[in-house]
Amino acid sequence: TLPYFISEKNLIFETAKSLLYLEKLKNSVRLLGISISNLNADKQRKKEVTKKSVSVQLRFEF
């Protein structure tokens, strides 16, 4: 959980990547799920936007 609002894709990705590398694991695989909630959007805009589902599989060399 971050104590501040972020909205840029690059910042979200960098934050997720930093979580992945918090502690070096020896000969193992780490599974990391990222969820986004409490989006800072105005109510008017919510009415205009249709619901979209986004799934992304991130891959890192190791």
PDB file of N, CA and C in Angstrom:
ATOM      1  N   THR A   1       0.849  -1.177   0.000  1.00  0.00           N
ATOM      2  CA  THR A   1       0.000   0.000   0.000  1.00  0.00           C
ATOM      3  C   THR A   1       0.891   1.236   0.000  1.00  0.00           C
ATOM      4  N   LEU A   2       0.591   2.134  -0.896  1.00  0.00           N
ATOM      5  CA  LEU A   2       1.351   3.378  -0.957  1.00  0.00           C
ATOM      6  C   LEU A   2       0.603   4.473  -0.205  1.00  0.00           C
ATOM      7  N   PRO A   3       1.305   5.380   0.457  1.00  0.00           N
ATOM      8  CA  PRO A   3       0.650   6.435   1.227  1.00  0.00           C
ATOM      9  C   PRO A   3       0.236   7.633   0.379  1.00  0.00           C
ATOM     10  N   TYR A   4       0.382   7.514  -0.940  1.00  0.00           N
ATOM     11  CA  TYR A   4       0.060   8.640  -1.817  1.00  0.00           C
ATOM     12  C   TYR A   4      -0.527   8.125  -3.131  1.00  0.00           C
ATOM     13  N   PHE A   5      -1.197   8.999  -3.854  1.00  0.00           N
ATOM     14  CA  PHE A   5      -1.849   8.680  -5.116  1.00  0.00           C
ATOM     15  C   PHE A   5      -0.828   8.635  -6.248  1.00  0.00           C
ATOM     16  N   ILE A   6      -0.871   7.568  -7.055  1.00  0.00           N
ATOM     17  CA  ILE A   6      -0.053   7.524  -8.266  1.00  0.00           C
ATOM     18  C   ILE A   6      -0.956   7.171  -9.443  1.00  0.00           C
ATOM     19  N   SER A   7      -0.642   7.697 -10.614  1.00  0.00           N
ATOM     20  CA  SER A   7      -1.491   7.431 -11.773  1.00  0.00           C
ATOM     21  C   SER A   7      -0.705   7.099 -13.035  1.00  0.00           C
ATOM     22  N   GLU A   8       0.598   7.233 -12.993  1.00  0.00           N
ATOM     23  CA  GLU A   8       1.395   6.976 -14.183  1.00  0.00           C
ATOM     24  C   GLU A   8       1.785   5.504 -14.267  1.00  0.00           C
ATOM     25  N   LYS A   9       1.608   4.931 -15.467  1.00  0.00           N
ATOM     26  CA  LYS A   9       1.904   3.517 -15.681  1.00  0.00           C
ATOM     27  C   LYS A   9       3.349   3.188 -15.308  1.00  0.00           C
ATOM     28  N   ASN A  10       4.276   4.052 -15.684  1.00  0.00           N
ATOM     29  CA  ASN A  10       5.689   3.796 -15.389  1.00  0.00           C
ATOM     30  C   ASN A  10       5.959   3.752 -13.892  1.00  0.00           C
ATOM     31  N   LEU A  11       5.314   4.629 -13.137  1.00  0.00           N
ATOM     32  CA  LEU A  11       5.509   4.650 -11.688  1.00  0.00           C
ATOM     33  C   LEU A  11       4.911   3.400 -11.038  1.00  0.00           C
ATOM     34  N   ILE A  12       3.751   2.963 -11.526  1.00  0.00           N
ATOM     35  CA  ILE A  12       3.140   1.732 -11.011  1.00  0.00           C
ATOM     36  C   ILE A  12       4.068   0.551 -11.291  1.00  0.00           C
ATOM     37  N   PHE A  13       4.599   0.473 -12.508  1.00  0.00           N
ATOM     38  CA  PHE A  13       5.500  -0.610 -12.881  1.00  0.00           C
ATOM     39  C   PHE A  13       6.772  -0.592 -12.033  1.00  0.00           C
ATOM     40  N   GLU A  14       7.374   0.570 -11.848  1.00  0.00           N
ATOM     41  CA  GLU A  14       8.601   0.672 -11.054  1.00  0.00           C
ATOM     42  C   GLU A  14       8.351   0.290  -9.597  1.00  0.00           C
ATOM     43  N   THR A  15       7.190   0.663  -9.066  1.00  0.00           N
ATOM     44  CA  THR A  15       6.848   0.302  -7.688  1.00  0.00           C
ATOM     45  C   THR A  15       6.692  -1.208  -7.563  1.00  0.00           C
ATOM     46  N   ALA A  16       6.005  -1.825  -8.525  1.00  0.00           N
ATOM     47  CA  ALA A  16       5.830  -3.280  -8.518  1.00  0.00           C
ATOM     48  C   ALA A  16       7.180  -3.982  -8.640  1.00  0.00           C
ATOM     49  N   LYS A  17       8.041  -3.467  -9.493  1.00  0.00           N
ATOM     50  CA  LYS A  17       9.361  -4.065  -9.683  1.00  0.00           C
ATOM     51  C   LYS A  17      10.199  -3.949  -8.410  1.00  0.00           C
ATOM     52  N   SER A  18      10.103  -2.831  -7.722  1.00  0.00           N
ATOM     53  CA  SER A  18      10.865  -2.677  -6.481  1.00  0.00           C
ATOM     54  C   SER A  18      10.366  -3.650  -5.410  1.00  0.00           C
ATOM     55  N   LEU A  19       9.067  -3.941  -5.395  1.00  0.00           N
ATOM     56  CA  LEU A  19       8.532  -4.937  -4.462  1.00  0.00           C
ATOM     57  C   LEU A  19       9.086  -6.323  -4.773  1.00  0.00           C
ATOM     58  N   LEU A  20       9.216  -6.607  -6.048  1.00  0.00           N
ATOM     59  CA  LEU A  20       9.723  -7.907  -6.475  1.00  0.00           C
ATOM     60  C   LEU A  20      11.145  -8.139  -5.979  1.00  0.00           C
ATOM     61  N   TYR A  21      11.946  -7.090  -5.946  1.00  0.00           N
ATOM     62  CA  TYR A  21      13.353  -7.221  -5.577  1.00  0.00           C
ATOM     63  C   TYR A  21      13.653  -6.788  -4.140  1.00  0.00           C
ATOM     64  N   LEU A  22      12.654  -6.739  -3.271  1.00  0.00           N
ATOM     65  CA  LEU A  22      12.892  -6.326  -1.887  1.00  0.00           C
ATOM     66  C   LEU A  22      13.925  -7.201  -1.186  1.00  0.00           C
ATOM     67  N   GLU A  23      13.804  -8.500  -1.336  1.00  0.00           N
ATOM     68  CA  GLU A  23      14.731  -9.416  -0.684  1.00  0.00           C
ATOM     69  C   GLU A  23      15.179 -10.444  -1.708  1.00  0.00           C
ATOM     70  N   LYS A  24      16.473 -10.587  -1.871  1.00  0.00           N
ATOM     71  CA  LYS A  24      16.998 -11.527  -2.853  1.00  0.00           C
ATOM     72  C   LYS A  24      16.728 -12.951  -2.378  1.00  0.00           C
ATOM     73  N   LEU A  25      16.092 -13.729  -3.241  1.00  0.00           N
ATOM     74  CA  LEU A  25      15.790 -15.122  -2.929  1.00  0.00           C
ATOM     75  C   LEU A  25      16.766 -16.015  -3.676  1.00  0.00           C
ATOM     76  N   LYS A  26      17.188 -17.070  -3.033  1.00  0.00           N
ATOM     77  CA  LYS A  26      18.170 -17.967  -3.631  1.00  0.00           C
ATOM     78  C   LYS A  26      17.459 -19.163  -4.264  1.00  0.00           C
ATOM     79  N   ASN A  27      17.682 -19.366  -5.566  1.00  0.00           N
ATOM     80  CA  ASN A  27      17.121 -20.520  -6.289  1.00  0.00           C
ATOM     81  C   ASN A  27      15.621 -20.672  -6.074  1.00  0.00           C
ATOM     82  N   SER A  28      14.877 -19.615  -6.255  1.00  0.00           N
ATOM     83  CA  SER A  28      13.430 -19.681  -6.043  1.00  0.00           C
ATOM     84  C   SER A  28      12.710 -18.759  -7.016  1.00  0.00           C
ATOM     85  N   VAL A  29      11.407 -18.875  -7.012  1.00  0.00           N
ATOM     86  CA  VAL A  29      10.557 -18.044  -7.862  1.00  0.00           C
ATOM     87  C   VAL A  29       9.615 -17.277  -6.955  1.00  0.00           C
ATOM     88  N   ARG A  30       9.437 -16.000  -7.201  1.00  0.00           N
ATOM     89  CA  ARG A  30       8.519 -15.184  -6.411  1.00  0.00           C
ATOM     90  C   ARG A  30       7.313 -14.832  -7.271  1.00  0.00           C
ATOM     91  N   LEU A  31       6.134 -15.091  -6.756  1.00  0.00           N
ATOM     92  CA  LEU A  31       4.898 -14.695  -7.423  1.00  0.00           C
ATOM     93  C   LEU A  31       4.408 -13.425  -6.758  1.00  0.00           C
ATOM     94  N   LEU A  32       4.071 -12.437  -7.566  1.00  0.00           N
ATOM     95  CA  LEU A  32       3.673 -11.139  -7.024  1.00  0.00           C
ATOM     96  C   LEU A  32       2.408 -10.681  -7.727  1.00  0.00           C
ATOM     97  N   GLY A  33       1.365 -10.447  -6.978  1.00  0.00           N
ATOM     98  CA  GLY A  33       0.119  -9.930  -7.545  1.00  0.00           C
ATOM     99  C   GLY A  33      -0.027  -8.458  -7.201  1.00  0.00           C
ATOM    100  N   ILE A  34      -0.422  -7.671  -8.169  1.00  0.00           N
ATOM    101  CA  ILE A  34      -0.598  -6.233  -7.974  1.00  0.00           C
ATOM    102  C   ILE A  34      -2.063  -5.902  -8.219  1.00  0.00           C
ATOM    103  N   SER A  35      -2.689  -5.222  -7.282  1.00  0.00           N
ATOM    104  CA  SER A  35      -4.068  -4.768  -7.498  1.00  0.00           C
ATOM    105  C   SER A  35      -4.119  -3.253  -7.330  1.00  0.00           C
ATOM    106  N   ILE A  36      -5.051  -2.656  -8.031  1.00  0.00           N
ATOM    107  CA  ILE A  36      -5.209  -1.202  -7.994  1.00  0.00           C
ATOM    108  C   ILE A  36      -6.618  -0.903  -7.498  1.00  0.00           C
ATOM    109  N   SER A  37      -6.721  -0.027  -6.492  1.00  0.00           N
ATOM    110  CA  SER A  37      -8.031   0.317  -5.944  1.00  0.00           C
ATOM    111  C   SER A  37      -8.027   1.768  -5.491  1.00  0.00           C
ATOM    112  N   ASN A  38      -9.192   2.229  -5.046  1.00  0.00           N
ATOM    113  CA  ASN A  38      -9.357   3.617  -4.602  1.00  0.00           C
ATOM    114  C   ASN A  38      -8.843   4.602  -5.638  1.00  0.00           C
ATOM    115  N   LEU A  39      -9.270   4.402  -6.853  1.00  0.00           N
ATOM    116  CA  LEU A  39      -8.821   5.269  -7.933  1.00  0.00           C
ATOM    117  C   LEU A  39      -9.354   6.677  -7.740  1.00  0.00           C
ATOM    118  N   ASN A  40      -8.529   7.648  -8.002  1.00  0.00           N
ATOM    119  CA  ASN A  40      -8.877   9.047  -7.817  1.00  0.00           C
ATOM    120  C   ASN A  40      -9.494   9.586  -9.111  1.00  0.00           C
ATOM    121  N   ALA A  41     -10.778   9.327  -9.310  1.00  0.00           N
ATOM    122  CA  ALA A  41     -11.465   9.787 -10.521  1.00  0.00           C
ATOM    123  C   ALA A  41     -12.753  10.508 -10.113  1.00  0.00           C
ATOM    124  N   ASP A  42     -13.131  11.529 -10.857  1.00  0.00           N
ATOM    125  CA  ASP A  42     -14.374  12.218 -10.505  1.00  0.00           C
ATOM    126  C   ASP A  42     -15.587  11.370 -10.871  1.00  0.00           C
ATOM    127  N   LYS A  43     -16.660  11.621 -10.144  1.00  0.00           N
ATOM    128  CA  LYS A  43     -17.884  10.848 -10.329  1.00  0.00           C
ATOM    129  C   LYS A  43     -18.442  11.012 -11.735  1.00  0.00           C
ATOM    130  N   GLN A  44     -18.350  12.199 -12.300  1.00  0.00           N
ATOM    131  CA  GLN A  44     -18.862  12.440 -13.646  1.00  0.00           C
ATOM    132  C   GLN A  44     -18.127  11.571 -14.660  1.00  0.00           C
ATOM    133  N   ARG A  45     -16.837  11.490 -14.526  1.00  0.00           N
ATOM    134  CA  ARG A  45     -16.037  10.699 -15.463  1.00  0.00           C
ATOM    135  C   ARG A  45     -16.353   9.214 -15.328  1.00  0.00           C
ATOM    136  N   LYS A  46     -16.632   8.758 -14.115  1.00  0.00           N
ATOM    137  CA  LYS A  46     -16.978   7.357 -13.898  1.00  0.00           C
ATOM    138  C   LYS A  46     -18.202   6.965 -14.713  1.00  0.00           C
ATOM    139  N   LYS A  47     -19.161   7.882 -14.824  1.00  0.00           N
ATOM    140  CA  LYS A  47     -20.378   7.589 -15.570  1.00  0.00           C
ATOM    141  C   LYS A  47     -20.090   7.444 -17.060  1.00  0.00           C
ATOM    142  N   GLU A  48     -19.111   8.189 -17.560  1.00  0.00           N
ATOM    143  CA  GLU A  48     -18.807   8.187 -18.984  1.00  0.00           C
ATOM    144  C   GLU A  48     -17.961   6.992 -19.412  1.00  0.00           C
ATOM    145  N   VAL A  49     -17.169   6.459 -18.515  1.00  0.00           N
ATOM    146  CA  VAL A  49     -16.245   5.381 -18.857  1.00  0.00           C
ATOM    147  C   VAL A  49     -16.913   4.032 -18.636  1.00  0.00           C
ATOM    148  N   THR A  50     -16.822   3.167 -19.642  1.00  0.00           N
ATOM    149  CA  THR A  50     -17.349   1.817 -19.477  1.00  0.00           C
ATOM    150  C   THR A  50     -16.306   0.971 -18.769  1.00  0.00           C
ATOM    151  N   LYS A  51     -16.760  -0.082 -18.121  1.00  0.00           N
ATOM    152  CA  LYS A  51     -15.843  -0.945 -17.392  1.00  0.00           C
ATOM    153  C   LYS A  51     -14.974  -1.721 -18.372  1.00  0.00           C
ATOM    154  N   LYS A  52     -13.678  -1.739 -18.095  1.00  0.00           N
ATOM    155  CA  LYS A  52     -12.729  -2.475 -18.913  1.00  0.00           C
ATOM    156  C   LYS A  52     -11.889  -3.362 -18.005  1.00  0.00           C
ATOM    157  N   SER A  53     -11.595  -4.541 -18.478  1.00  0.00           N
ATOM    158  CA  SER A  53     -10.735  -5.450 -17.747  1.00  0.00           C
ATOM    159  C   SER A  53      -9.362  -5.461 -18.407  1.00  0.00           C
ATOM    160  N   VAL A  54      -8.342  -5.396 -17.591  1.00  0.00           N
ATOM    161  CA  VAL A  54      -6.977  -5.388 -18.111  1.00  0.00           C
ATOM    162  C   VAL A  54      -6.187  -6.484 -17.402  1.00  0.00           C
ATOM    163  N   SER A  55      -5.568  -7.343 -18.173  1.00  0.00           N
ATOM    164  CA  SER A  55      -4.693  -8.373 -17.623  1.00  0.00           C
ATOM    165  C   SER A  55      -3.344  -8.262 -18.299  1.00  0.00           C
ATOM    166  N   VAL A  56      -2.308  -8.250 -17.505  1.00  0.00           N
ATOM    167  CA  VAL A  56      -0.957  -8.123 -18.043  1.00  0.00           C
ATOM    168  C   VAL A  56      -0.071  -9.157 -17.364  1.00  0.00           C
ATOM    169  N   GLN A  57       0.697  -9.875 -18.136  1.00  0.00           N
ATOM    170  CA  GLN A  57       1.680 -10.810 -17.591  1.00  0.00           C
ATOM    171  C   GLN A  57       3.055 -10.185 -17.747  1.00  0.00           C
ATOM    172  N   LEU A  58       3.669  -9.830 -16.636  1.00  0.00           N
ATOM    173  CA  LEU A  58       5.008  -9.252 -16.665  1.00  0.00           C
ATOM    174  C   LEU A  58       6.036 -10.369 -16.643  1.00  0.00           C
ATOM    175  N   ARG A  59       7.092 -10.201 -17.404  1.00  0.00           N
ATOM    176  CA  ARG A  59       8.168 -11.196 -17.439  1.00  0.00           C
ATOM    177  C   ARG A  59       9.498 -10.499 -17.175  1.00  0.00           C
ATOM    178  N   PHE A  60      10.270 -11.110 -16.326  1.00  0.00           N
ATOM    179  CA  PHE A  60      11.588 -10.587 -15.992  1.00  0.00           C
ATOM    180  C   PHE A  60      12.633 -11.656 -16.274  1.00  0.00           C
ATOM    181  N   GLU A  61      13.766 -11.234 -16.780  1.00  0.00           N
ATOM    182  CA  GLU A  61      14.891 -12.148 -16.978  1.00  0.00           C
ATOM    183  C   GLU A  61      15.492 -12.474 -15.618  1.00  0.00           C
ATOM    184  N   PHE A  62      15.799 -13.734 -15.393  1.00  0.00           N
ATOM    185  CA  PHE A  62      16.520 -14.111 -14.168  1.00  0.00           C
ATOM    186  C   PHE A  62      17.349 -15.340 -14.405  1.00  0.00           C
TER     187      PHE A  62
END
